[in-house]
Amino acid sequence: MLNQVELIGRLGNDPEFRTLNSGDRVCNIRLATTETWKNDAGERKERTTWHTVEVFGKGKVNAIEKCLRKGSLVHIIGQLRYDEYEKDGVKQVRAKINLSGPKHQVLFLDKKPTEQAEDEPGSQG
């Protein structure tokens, strides 16, 4: 079975970082993807969808911290996950893209390859 998500979009804000009880760092990204089309009248339309991306792994997190900012263009490959939580007594479900596996990637599209964190293992893998 396969659970893989690929998105290309721009960061809506600077990446946010937190440290887990284990000492591992996690990065959260809000990623905007925009689709455009023409309606029947020939007018250009667009729709932006916001995605929550959660990144694990020292190499990936360090590379993101070093290279990405609000507006950065990225290509992510991850896995779709759902968080369940309760708000005001009502069960809520939130989708997120998880990048924790060895095949999950964050590719920096608006940087020259030499500017990417090549010395950071896992920055693209």
Protein backbone atom coordinates (compact mmCIF):
# COMPACT_ATOMS: atom_id res chain seq x y z
CA MET A 1 0.00 0.00 0.00
CA LEU A 2 1.11 3.55 -0.62
CA ASN A 3 0.54 6.74 1.37
CA GLN A 4 2.58 9.45 -0.35
CA VAL A 5 1.88 13.14 -0.84
CA GLU A 6 3.86 15.51 -3.08
CA LEU A 7 3.29 19.25 -2.92
CA ILE A 8 5.03 22.25 -4.44
CA GLY A 9 4.26 25.53 -2.77
CA ARG A 10 5.46 28.51 -0.76
CA LEU A 11 5.90 28.87 2.97
CA GLY A 12 3.20 31.10 4.43
CA ASN A 13 5.40 32.10 7.36
CA ASP A 14 8.82 31.36 8.78
CA PRO A 15 9.24 27.73 9.87
CA GLU A 16 8.47 27.07 13.53
CA PHE A 17 10.68 24.79 15.63
CA ARG A 18 10.11 22.95 18.88
CA THR A 19 12.02 20.40 20.93
CA LEU A 20 10.38 17.17 22.04
CA ASN A 21 10.92 15.61 25.48
CA SER A 22 13.35 13.22 23.78
CA GLY A 23 15.51 16.17 22.74
CA ASP A 24 14.66 15.74 19.06
CA ARG A 25 13.66 18.88 17.18
CA VAL A 26 10.57 19.14 14.98
CA CYS A 27 9.80 21.77 12.36
CA ASN A 28 6.28 22.90 11.44
CA ILE A 29 5.62 24.59 8.12
CA ARG A 30 2.46 26.19 6.71
CA LEU A 31 2.61 25.54 2.98
CA ALA A 32 0.39 27.25 0.40
CA THR A 33 -0.37 25.59 -2.92
CA THR A 34 -2.27 27.54 -5.55
CA GLU A 35 -4.13 26.15 -8.54
CA THR A 36 -5.23 28.37 -11.42
CA TRP A 37 -7.73 27.82 -14.20
CA LYS A 38 -10.02 29.70 -16.56
CA ASN A 39 -13.76 29.55 -16.06
CA ASP A 40 -16.31 29.23 -18.88
CA ALA A 41 -16.16 33.00 -19.42
CA GLY A 42 -12.39 32.84 -19.90
CA GLU A 43 -11.66 34.59 -16.61
CA ARG A 44 -8.58 33.50 -14.69
CA LYS A 45 -9.46 31.99 -11.32
CA GLU A 46 -7.27 30.70 -8.54
CA ARG A 47 -7.67 28.83 -5.29
CA THR A 48 -5.05 28.58 -2.53
CA THR A 49 -5.01 25.61 -0.18
CA TRP A 50 -3.05 25.67 3.08
CA HIS A 51 -1.25 22.56 4.31
CA THR A 52 0.35 21.80 7.66
CA VAL A 53 3.71 20.05 7.25
CA GLU A 54 5.55 18.45 10.17
CA VAL A 55 9.24 17.62 9.61
CA PHE A 56 11.36 15.27 11.73
CA GLY A 57 15.03 14.32 11.43
CA LYS A 58 18.06 16.33 12.46
CA GLY A 59 19.40 16.81 8.93
CA LYS A 60 16.09 17.98 7.47
CA VAL A 61 15.26 20.25 10.43
CA ASN A 62 18.73 21.85 10.46
CA ALA A 63 18.65 22.43 6.68
CA ILE A 64 15.21 24.05 6.92
CA GLU A 65 16.35 26.29 9.75
CA LYS A 66 19.39 27.37 7.74
CA CYS A 67 17.74 27.90 4.34
CA LEU A 68 13.97 28.46 4.44
CA ARG A 69 11.95 31.57 5.25
CA LYS A 70 8.47 32.89 4.59
CA GLY A 71 7.88 32.82 0.83
CA SER A 72 10.44 30.07 0.10
CA LEU A 73 9.43 27.71 -2.71
CA VAL A 74 9.68 24.02 -1.78
CA HIS A 75 8.77 20.59 -3.09
CA ILE A 76 7.87 18.20 -0.28
CA ILE A 77 7.36 14.46 -0.38
CA GLY A 78 5.75 13.00 2.71
CA GLN A 79 2.91 11.00 4.16
CA LEU A 80 -0.66 12.06 4.90
CA ARG A 81 -1.60 11.75 8.58
CA TYR A 82 -4.55 12.82 10.69
CA ASP A 83 -4.49 14.23 14.22
CA GLU A 84 -7.57 13.84 16.38
CA TYR A 85 -8.20 16.29 19.18
CA GLU A 86 -11.07 17.78 21.13
CA LYS A 87 -12.13 21.42 20.98
CA ASP A 88 -15.02 22.72 23.08
CA GLY A 89 -16.08 19.13 23.72
CA VAL A 90 -16.27 18.31 20.01
CA LYS A 91 -13.95 15.80 18.34
CA GLN A 92 -11.89 17.43 15.58
CA VAL A 93 -9.69 15.90 12.89
CA ARG A 94 -6.83 17.77 11.25
CA ALA A 95 -4.85 16.58 8.23
CA LYS A 96 -1.11 17.13 8.07
CA ILE A 97 1.79 16.05 5.90
CA ASN A 98 4.38 14.12 7.90
CA LEU A 99 8.03 13.98 6.85
CA SER A 100 9.72 11.49 9.15
CA GLY A 101 10.75 8.62 6.89
CA PRO A 102 14.01 8.15 5.02
CA LYS A 103 12.30 8.64 1.63
CA HIS A 104 10.52 11.83 2.70
CA GLN A 105 12.10 14.95 1.24
CA VAL A 106 12.14 18.72 1.34
CA LEU A 107 13.59 20.13 -1.87
CA PHE A 108 14.49 23.82 -1.90
CA LEU A 109 13.39 25.12 -5.29
CA ASP A 110 14.29 28.80 -5.14
CA LYS A 111 17.91 28.30 -4.11
CA LYS A 112 20.87 27.34 -6.27
CA PRO A 113 21.92 23.74 -5.57
CA THR A 114 25.22 24.93 -4.10
CA GLU A 115 23.31 27.06 -1.60
CA GLN A 116 21.34 24.11 -0.30
CA ALA A 117 22.60 22.52 2.87
CA GLU A 118 24.70 19.88 1.16
CA ASP A 119 26.67 19.25 4.34
CA GLU A 120 23.45 18.44 6.20
CA PRO A 121 22.62 14.76 5.80
CA GLY A 122 18.97 14.30 5.00
CA SER A 123 18.29 17.80 3.77
CA GLN A 124 16.83 16.25 0.65
CA GLY A 125 16.39 12.67 1.75
